[in-house]
Amino acid sequence: MRKVLLTIALVFCLVPLSAQEQTGVENAILDAVMQIEEGRIDSAGQLLDSLHKVSPSNDAVLYYKGLCRYAKRDYSGAITDIKAASELDPSNNWYLETLANLYIYTGEPAEAGVLYKTLSVRNPDKFRNSYTLSLMADAYRLKRDYPGFFGVLKELVQDPNIDDDQKYQALMGSLGNFDARTFKAIVPQMDSLMTLYAAAEPSSVHAHSLCLQMAVERSDNAAVIRESEILMALQPDDTEAQLTGLSIIGDTYHSIGQSRKAYKTYEEALKINPRYCPVLNNYAYYLSEERRKLCKASRMSRITVEEEPDNATYLDTYGWILYLRGKAKEAKPYFKHAMIYGGKESEVILRHYSKVLEKLGEKNLAEYYRSLADNKKK
């Protein structure tokens, strides 16, 4: 937690003491403050405890009692005292800010967010920023108030005074760890949020990457292609970004039945990097599904197992193409290797292997792997 004693700010409430007694209390509080700043915490705490007995409704006494408790690592007690001081003087922003900082320190960001919501209304120039807005969003999320949650995040992404990296970090902090059911329910709000983010930051790779993720989540193929093209245009000198974009576009074209466009896109990617495994594998596998150009498919797939010899998916593709070419005996070792590196978790790989074994006359083993595949399907 940042240093809480940045300045000495005393705001006293009215207490039923004579003017002389009141002056004495004020002077004693100042003595306690000096002792705190000099590190004499025990002495200051004893003095403030005595003052609290004399003037129990004095918010300044409670506030500095809280600081003494914080200095002694009694965080629960510090929160109790400073919260009580804030209740006695709700208009005191210093109390609220200190209490919010304590909540952050003790791992209660949602509680801090509630306080920062109040502070941001009173003093937006100081308290309305990416950090406090994300804390406010956490407070809404804890209460499952999703209109409030997304309202704050929409304000955040559209704020011209917050830079793109801060917006992205705040979003990543706020949008993580939703359970699957909740995530599915709020996808439309998330998509709307990312659309606003991209509109506010049209040159942001962060924003368009999130838009792409939402397009994939919504199975919006046109948006997947569009956002991939935007990301490629934003990163013209980034080879990996170009390859990733072309790979996604090619896969999307294939998923909607436009194989010719898919293969043309893959060829563009392979001109950039002829050994780019994600494209080589998918291109080869899709050709194998069509039972055409199997020699070309085999050459491409062979590169992937050379590059990543323990990748079960690549081993499956290459072994399957060998099987389709009538080379079941050559295919078997690749499937055996795939079984060691995760192939048993895939229904497709298990079924392919069972067919290879059946072709080789190993009926019992073929039946075993077929039964494993059937269980995966269930």
Protein backbone atom coordinates (compact mmCIF):
# COMPACT_ATOMS: atom_id res chain seq x y z
CA MET A 1 0.00 0.00 0.00
CA ARG A 2 1.31 3.44 -0.85
CA LYS A 3 2.34 5.74 1.96
CA VAL A 4 -0.75 6.98 3.71
CA LEU A 5 0.81 10.00 5.40
CA LEU A 6 1.38 12.18 2.37
CA THR A 7 0.21 15.35 4.09
CA ILE A 8 -1.28 16.25 7.43
CA ALA A 9 -4.97 16.82 6.87
CA LEU A 10 -7.06 17.18 10.01
CA VAL A 11 -10.81 17.62 9.92
CA PHE A 12 -12.40 17.62 13.36
CA CYS A 13 -16.02 16.99 14.17
CA LEU A 14 -17.85 18.87 16.92
CA VAL A 15 -17.53 17.18 20.30
CA PRO A 16 -19.17 18.08 23.60
CA LEU A 17 -16.07 19.65 25.09
CA SER A 18 -15.33 23.16 26.22
CA ALA A 19 -13.33 25.38 23.88
CA GLN A 20 -10.28 24.93 26.07
CA GLU A 21 -10.72 21.15 26.15
CA GLN A 22 -11.27 21.09 22.39
CA THR A 23 -8.04 23.00 21.86
CA GLY A 24 -6.27 20.55 24.11
CA VAL A 25 -7.54 17.59 22.08
CA GLU A 26 -6.46 19.23 18.83
CA ASN A 27 -2.99 19.89 20.18
CA ALA A 28 -2.72 16.34 21.47
CA ILE A 29 -3.71 14.97 18.04
CA LEU A 30 -0.96 17.06 16.46
CA ASP A 31 1.49 15.61 18.97
CA ALA A 32 0.33 12.10 18.00
CA VAL A 33 0.78 12.87 14.31
CA MET A 34 4.35 14.04 14.90
CA GLN A 35 5.07 10.86 16.85
CA ILE A 36 3.70 8.73 13.98
CA GLU A 37 5.91 10.54 11.48
CA GLU A 38 8.92 10.04 13.76
CA GLY A 39 8.16 6.31 13.99
CA ARG A 40 7.13 6.35 17.65
CA ILE A 41 4.03 4.27 16.97
CA ASP A 42 3.49 2.81 20.44
CA SER A 43 3.61 6.23 22.08
CA ALA A 44 1.27 7.72 19.47
CA GLY A 45 -1.14 4.81 19.84
CA GLN A 46 -1.32 5.21 23.62
CA LEU A 47 -1.99 8.92 23.30
CA LEU A 48 -4.72 8.36 20.69
CA ASP A 49 -6.37 5.65 22.82
CA SER A 50 -6.56 8.15 25.68
CA LEU A 51 -8.00 10.83 23.39
CA HIS A 52 -10.60 8.40 22.05
CA LYS A 53 -11.90 7.82 25.60
CA VAL A 54 -12.22 11.57 26.08
CA SER A 55 -13.68 12.29 22.62
CA PRO A 56 -15.08 9.06 21.12
CA SER A 57 -16.80 10.86 18.24
CA ASN A 58 -13.69 12.63 17.02
CA ASP A 59 -13.09 11.30 13.49
CA ALA A 60 -9.47 12.54 13.38
CA VAL A 61 -8.61 10.52 16.50
CA LEU A 62 -10.09 7.39 14.94
CA TYR A 63 -8.27 8.02 11.67
CA TYR A 64 -4.84 8.29 13.29
CA LYS A 65 -5.61 5.36 15.59
CA GLY A 66 -6.15 3.43 12.38
CA LEU A 67 -2.79 4.54 11.00
CA CYS A 68 -1.09 3.35 14.17
CA ARG A 69 -2.75 -0.03 13.85
CA TYR A 70 -1.68 -0.22 10.20
CA ALA A 71 1.91 0.54 11.19
CA LYS A 72 1.72 -2.39 13.64
CA ARG A 73 0.24 -4.65 10.91
CA ASP A 74 -3.14 -4.85 12.58
CA TYR A 75 -4.89 -4.41 9.24
CA SER A 76 -8.33 -5.47 10.40
CA GLY A 77 -8.18 -2.99 13.27
CA ALA A 78 -6.91 -0.25 10.95
CA ILE A 79 -9.87 -0.80 8.62
CA THR A 80 -12.30 -0.73 11.56
CA ASP A 81 -10.97 2.58 12.87
CA ILE A 82 -10.65 4.37 9.54
CA LYS A 83 -14.05 3.11 8.42
CA ALA A 84 -15.52 4.54 11.63
CA ALA A 85 -13.75 7.86 10.98
CA SER A 86 -15.21 7.92 7.47
CA GLU A 87 -18.70 7.25 8.79
CA LEU A 88 -18.35 10.19 11.16
CA ASP A 89 -17.18 12.44 8.33
CA PRO A 90 -18.48 10.98 5.02
CA SER A 91 -17.30 14.03 3.07
CA ASN A 92 -13.63 13.45 3.89
CA ASN A 93 -12.00 12.11 0.70
CA TRP A 94 -8.72 11.51 2.51
CA TYR A 95 -10.36 8.97 4.80
CA LEU A 96 -12.03 7.21 1.86
CA GLU A 97 -8.83 7.02 -0.14
CA THR A 98 -6.84 5.63 2.78
CA LEU A 99 -9.55 3.06 3.46
CA ALA A 100 -9.61 2.08 -0.23
CA ASN A 101 -5.84 1.61 -0.17
CA LEU A 102 -6.16 -0.61 2.89
CA TYR A 103 -8.75 -2.76 1.14
CA ILE A 104 -6.41 -3.18 -1.82
CA TYR A 105 -3.57 -4.10 0.51
CA THR A 106 -5.70 -6.72 2.26
CA GLY A 107 -6.89 -8.26 -1.03
CA GLU A 108 -10.39 -6.80 -1.14
CA PRO A 109 -10.42 -4.88 -4.46
CA ALA A 110 -14.19 -4.94 -4.77
CA GLU A 111 -14.53 -3.05 -1.46
CA ALA A 112 -11.96 -0.56 -2.74
CA GLY A 113 -13.94 -0.24 -5.95
CA VAL A 114 -17.06 0.87 -4.06
CA LEU A 115 -15.08 3.64 -2.39
CA TYR A 116 -13.36 4.71 -5.61
CA LYS A 117 -16.76 4.98 -7.26
CA THR A 118 -17.66 7.65 -4.71
CA LEU A 119 -14.27 9.34 -4.98
CA SER A 120 -14.39 9.40 -8.78
CA VAL A 121 -17.65 11.33 -8.68
CA ARG A 122 -16.26 13.85 -6.22
CA ASN A 123 -12.89 14.29 -7.90
CA PRO A 124 -12.85 12.71 -11.38
CA ASP A 125 -9.53 14.28 -12.39
CA LYS A 126 -7.74 12.40 -9.63
CA PHE A 127 -9.77 9.25 -9.16
CA ARG A 128 -11.28 8.37 -12.55
CA ASN A 129 -8.52 6.42 -14.31
CA SER A 130 -7.91 2.90 -15.63
CA TYR A 131 -6.92 1.60 -12.22
CA THR A 132 -9.90 2.90 -10.28
CA LEU A 133 -12.35 2.12 -13.08
CA SER A 134 -11.19 -1.50 -13.10
CA LEU A 135 -11.66 -1.63 -9.32
CA MET A 136 -15.17 -0.25 -9.75
CA ALA A 137 -15.85 -2.92 -12.36
CA ASP A 138 -14.70 -5.56 -9.86
CA ALA A 139 -17.16 -4.22 -7.31
CA TYR A 140 -20.04 -4.50 -9.79
CA ARG A 141 -18.92 -7.97 -10.87
CA LEU A 142 -18.86 -9.21 -7.27
CA LYS A 143 -22.51 -8.21 -6.96
CA ARG A 144 -23.26 -9.78 -10.39
CA ASP A 145 -24.42 -6.37 -11.55
CA TYR A 146 -23.38 -6.86 -15.16
CA PRO A 147 -25.02 -3.71 -16.58
CA GLY A 148 -22.97 -1.71 -14.07
CA PHE A 149 -19.89 -3.85 -14.77
CA PHE A 150 -19.99 -3.31 -18.52
CA GLY A 151 -21.02 0.32 -18.13
CA VAL A 152 -17.79 1.09 -16.28
CA LEU A 153 -15.66 -0.86 -18.77
CA LYS A 154 -17.29 0.92 -21.71
CA GLU A 155 -16.43 4.23 -20.10
CA LEU A 156 -12.88 3.00 -19.65
CA VAL A 157 -12.29 1.94 -23.27
CA GLN A 158 -13.75 5.16 -24.64
CA ASP A 159 -11.79 7.51 -22.36
CA PRO A 160 -9.33 9.50 -24.54
CA ASN A 161 -7.16 10.27 -21.50
CA ILE A 162 -6.35 6.57 -20.88
CA ASP A 163 -3.73 5.04 -23.16
CA ASP A 164 -4.26 1.80 -25.04
CA ASP A 165 -1.95 -0.38 -22.95
CA GLN A 166 -3.71 0.71 -19.76
CA LYS A 167 -7.10 -0.05 -21.29
CA TYR A 168 -5.96 -3.49 -22.37
CA GLN A 169 -4.43 -4.39 -19.01
CA ALA A 170 -7.54 -3.20 -17.17
CA LEU A 171 -9.79 -5.27 -19.46
CA MET A 172 -7.65 -8.38 -19.04
CA GLY A 173 -7.80 -7.97 -15.29
CA SER A 174 -11.58 -7.51 -15.25
CA LEU A 175 -12.69 -10.09 -17.81
CA GLY A 176 -10.85 -13.19 -16.63
CA ASN A 177 -12.10 -16.32 -14.85
CA PHE A 178 -15.78 -16.30 -15.71
CA ASP A 179 -17.41 -19.71 -15.44
CA ALA A 180 -18.53 -21.17 -18.78
CA ARG A 181 -22.24 -20.54 -18.21
CA THR A 182 -21.79 -16.90 -17.23
CA PHE A 183 -19.31 -16.30 -20.05
CA LYS A 184 -21.77 -17.62 -22.62
CA ALA A 185 -24.53 -15.37 -21.24
CA ILE A 186 -22.42 -12.20 -21.40
CA VAL A 187 -20.82 -12.74 -24.83
CA PRO A 188 -23.12 -10.13 -26.47
CA GLN A 189 -22.08 -7.49 -23.90
CA MET A 190 -18.44 -8.43 -24.33
CA ASP A 191 -18.74 -8.17 -28.09
CA SER A 192 -20.32 -4.72 -27.78
CA LEU A 193 -17.52 -3.68 -25.41
CA MET A 194 -14.80 -4.78 -27.84
CA THR A 195 -16.54 -3.00 -30.73
CA LEU A 196 -16.46 0.23 -28.73
CA TYR A 197 -12.81 -0.40 -27.82
CA ALA A 198 -11.82 -0.84 -31.48
CA ALA A 199 -13.80 2.26 -32.47
CA ALA A 200 -12.00 4.30 -29.81
CA GLU A 201 -8.58 2.78 -30.65
CA PRO A 202 -8.76 1.92 -34.38
CA SER A 203 -5.01 1.29 -34.64
CA SER A 204 -4.84 -0.94 -31.56
CA VAL A 205 -3.63 -4.49 -32.05
CA HIS A 206 -4.98 -5.22 -28.57
CA ALA A 207 -8.48 -4.04 -29.48
CA HIS A 208 -8.70 -5.91 -32.77
CA SER A 209 -7.24 -9.08 -31.24
CA LEU A 210 -10.09 -9.00 -28.71
CA CYS A 211 -12.59 -8.32 -31.49
CA LEU A 212 -11.21 -11.38 -33.30
CA GLN A 213 -11.65 -13.51 -30.19
CA MET A 214 -15.25 -12.39 -29.89
CA ALA A 215 -15.87 -13.11 -33.57
CA VAL A 216 -14.54 -16.64 -33.10
CA GLU A 217 -16.69 -17.06 -29.98
CA ARG A 218 -19.78 -15.98 -31.93
CA SER A 219 -18.86 -18.09 -34.99
CA ASP A 220 -19.10 -14.92 -37.08
CA ASN A 221 -16.92 -16.05 -39.99
CA ALA A 222 -17.11 -12.76 -41.87
CA ALA A 223 -15.93 -10.89 -38.78
CA VAL A 224 -13.14 -13.44 -38.21
CA ILE A 225 -11.81 -12.81 -41.70
CA ARG A 226 -12.25 -9.03 -41.42
CA GLU A 227 -10.47 -8.75 -38.07
CA SER A 228 -7.67 -11.04 -39.22
CA GLU A 229 -7.11 -8.80 -42.26
CA ILE A 230 -7.12 -5.70 -40.04
CA LEU A 231 -4.54 -7.23 -37.71
CA MET A 232 -2.32 -8.12 -40.67
CA ALA A 233 -2.61 -4.58 -42.02
CA LEU A 234 -1.69 -3.14 -38.61
CA GLN A 235 1.44 -5.33 -38.44
CA PRO A 236 2.82 -5.41 -42.00
CA ASP A 237 6.39 -6.13 -40.90
CA ASP A 238 5.52 -8.82 -38.37
CA THR A 239 6.03 -12.16 -40.12
CA GLU A 240 4.34 -14.15 -37.37
CA ALA A 241 1.29 -11.88 -37.48
CA GLN A 242 1.04 -12.34 -41.26
CA LEU A 243 1.30 -16.11 -40.98
CA THR A 244 -1.20 -16.31 -38.13
CA GLY A 245 -3.66 -14.13 -39.99
CA LEU A 246 -3.42 -16.12 -43.23
CA SER A 247 -3.75 -19.37 -41.29
CA ILE A 248 -6.93 -18.20 -39.56
CA ILE A 249 -8.39 -16.85 -42.79
CA GLY A 250 -7.62 -20.08 -44.65
CA ASP A 251 -9.16 -22.22 -41.91
CA THR A 252 -12.25 -20.01 -41.87
CA TYR A 253 -12.73 -20.25 -45.62
CA HIS A 254 -12.48 -24.02 -45.38
CA SER A 255 -15.01 -24.16 -42.54
CA ILE A 256 -17.61 -22.44 -44.73
CA GLY A 257 -16.98 -24.70 -47.71
CA GLN A 258 -14.79 -22.36 -49.75
CA SER A 259 -11.87 -24.76 -50.19
CA ARG A 260 -10.43 -23.04 -53.23
CA LYS A 261 -10.07 -19.76 -51.33
CA ALA A 262 -8.70 -21.64 -48.35
CA TYR A 263 -5.97 -23.33 -50.39
CA LYS A 264 -5.08 -20.09 -52.15
CA THR A 265 -4.68 -18.43 -48.75
CA TYR A 266 -2.52 -21.29 -47.48
CA GLU A 267 -0.29 -20.93 -50.54
CA GLU A 268 0.20 -17.24 -49.68
CA ALA A 269 1.30 -18.22 -46.18
CA LEU A 270 3.73 -20.85 -47.46
CA LYS A 271 5.35 -18.28 -49.73
CA ILE A 272 6.28 -16.40 -46.55
CA ASN A 273 7.43 -19.53 -44.69
CA PRO A 274 7.42 -22.88 -46.52
CA ARG A 275 7.83 -24.75 -43.22
CA TYR A 276 5.02 -23.11 -41.26
CA CYS A 277 3.52 -26.13 -39.53
CA PRO A 278 -0.05 -24.99 -38.70
CA VAL A 279 -0.75 -24.24 -42.36
CA LEU A 280 1.11 -27.29 -43.68
CA ASN A 281 -0.81 -29.61 -41.37
CA ASN A 282 -4.26 -28.22 -42.08
CA TYR A 283 -3.65 -27.92 -45.81
CA ALA A 284 -2.42 -31.54 -45.97
CA TYR A 285 -5.26 -32.88 -43.83
CA TYR A 286 -7.96 -31.12 -45.83
CA LEU A 287 -6.50 -32.53 -49.05
CA SER A 288 -6.55 -35.97 -47.47
CA GLU A 289 -10.23 -35.55 -46.63
CA GLU A 290 -10.88 -34.91 -50.32
CA ARG A 291 -8.68 -37.87 -51.27
CA ARG A 292 -6.75 -35.77 -53.76
CA LYS A 293 -3.21 -34.54 -54.27
CA LEU A 294 -2.07 -37.06 -51.66
CA CYS A 295 1.57 -36.90 -52.75
CA LYS A 296 1.59 -33.14 -52.20
CA ALA A 297 -0.24 -33.60 -48.91
CA SER A 298 2.33 -36.19 -47.84
CA ARG A 299 5.25 -33.86 -48.61
CA MET A 300 3.71 -31.05 -46.60
CA SER A 301 2.80 -33.26 -43.67
CA ARG A 302 6.25 -34.83 -43.62
CA ILE A 303 7.74 -31.40 -42.89
CA THR A 304 5.52 -30.99 -39.81
CA VAL A 305 6.70 -34.23 -38.19
CA GLU A 306 10.29 -33.25 -38.95
CA GLU A 307 9.75 -29.92 -37.23
CA GLU A 308 7.68 -31.25 -34.31
CA PRO A 309 8.22 -35.00 -33.99
CA ASP A 310 6.21 -35.30 -30.75
CA ASN A 311 3.09 -33.46 -31.93
CA ALA A 312 0.27 -36.02 -31.90
CA THR A 313 -1.88 -34.04 -34.32
CA TYR A 314 0.89 -33.79 -36.91
CA LEU A 315 1.79 -37.46 -36.46
CA ASP A 316 -1.84 -38.41 -37.03
CA THR A 317 -2.09 -36.37 -40.23
CA TYR A 318 1.07 -37.86 -41.70
CA GLY A 319 0.19 -41.40 -40.67
CA TRP A 320 -3.31 -41.06 -42.06
CA ILE A 321 -2.06 -39.80 -45.41
CA LEU A 322 0.36 -42.75 -45.61
CA TYR A 323 -2.58 -45.07 -44.91
CA LEU A 324 -4.62 -43.47 -47.67
CA ARG A 325 -1.71 -43.99 -50.03
CA GLY A 326 -1.73 -47.70 -49.23
CA LYS A 327 1.23 -47.56 -46.84
CA ALA A 328 -0.35 -48.80 -43.61
CA LYS A 329 2.83 -50.52 -42.47
CA GLU A 330 4.76 -47.25 -42.75
CA ALA A 331 1.93 -45.38 -41.04
CA LYS A 332 1.82 -47.56 -37.91
CA PRO A 333 4.99 -46.21 -36.18
CA TYR A 334 3.68 -42.65 -36.41
CA PHE A 335 0.44 -43.63 -34.70
CA LYS A 336 2.32 -45.59 -32.02
CA HIS A 337 4.36 -42.47 -31.35
CA ALA A 338 1.21 -40.34 -31.30
CA MET A 339 -0.26 -42.59 -28.60
CA ILE A 340 2.64 -41.70 -26.32
CA TYR A 341 2.20 -37.95 -26.81
CA GLY A 342 -1.52 -37.42 -26.26
CA GLY A 343 -3.10 -39.30 -29.14
CA LYS A 344 -5.21 -41.42 -26.76
CA GLU A 345 -7.15 -38.27 -25.86
CA SER A 346 -8.40 -37.80 -29.43
CA GLU A 347 -11.31 -39.77 -30.87
CA VAL A 348 -10.13 -39.01 -34.41
CA ILE A 349 -6.56 -40.23 -33.85
CA LEU A 350 -7.77 -43.40 -32.11
CA ARG A 351 -10.19 -44.19 -34.94
CA HIS A 352 -7.52 -43.59 -37.58
CA TYR A 353 -5.13 -45.90 -35.74
CA SER A 354 -7.77 -48.64 -35.48
CA LYS A 355 -8.22 -48.55 -39.26
CA VAL A 356 -4.49 -48.79 -39.85
CA LEU A 357 -4.28 -51.80 -37.53
CA GLU A 358 -7.27 -53.43 -39.18
CA LYS A 359 -5.63 -52.99 -42.56
CA LEU A 360 -2.54 -54.75 -41.19
CA GLY A 361 -4.67 -57.66 -39.96
CA GLU A 362 -4.25 -56.88 -36.25
CA LYS A 363 -7.94 -57.35 -35.52
CA ASN A 364 -7.87 -57.50 -31.71
CA LEU A 365 -5.70 -54.41 -31.36
CA ALA A 366 -7.82 -52.62 -33.94
CA GLU A 367 -10.96 -53.43 -31.93
CA TYR A 368 -9.30 -52.16 -28.75
CA TYR A 369 -8.51 -48.74 -30.23
CA ARG A 370 -11.90 -48.56 -31.92
CA SER A 371 -13.56 -49.12 -28.53
CA LEU A 372 -11.43 -46.34 -27.05
CA ALA A 373 -12.56 -44.05 -29.86
CA ASP A 374 -16.22 -44.99 -29.27
CA ASN A 375 -15.85 -44.16 -25.56
CA LYS A 376 -14.38 -40.77 -26.42
CA LYS A 377 -17.34 -40.06 -28.69
CA LYS A 378 -19.75 -40.77 -25.84
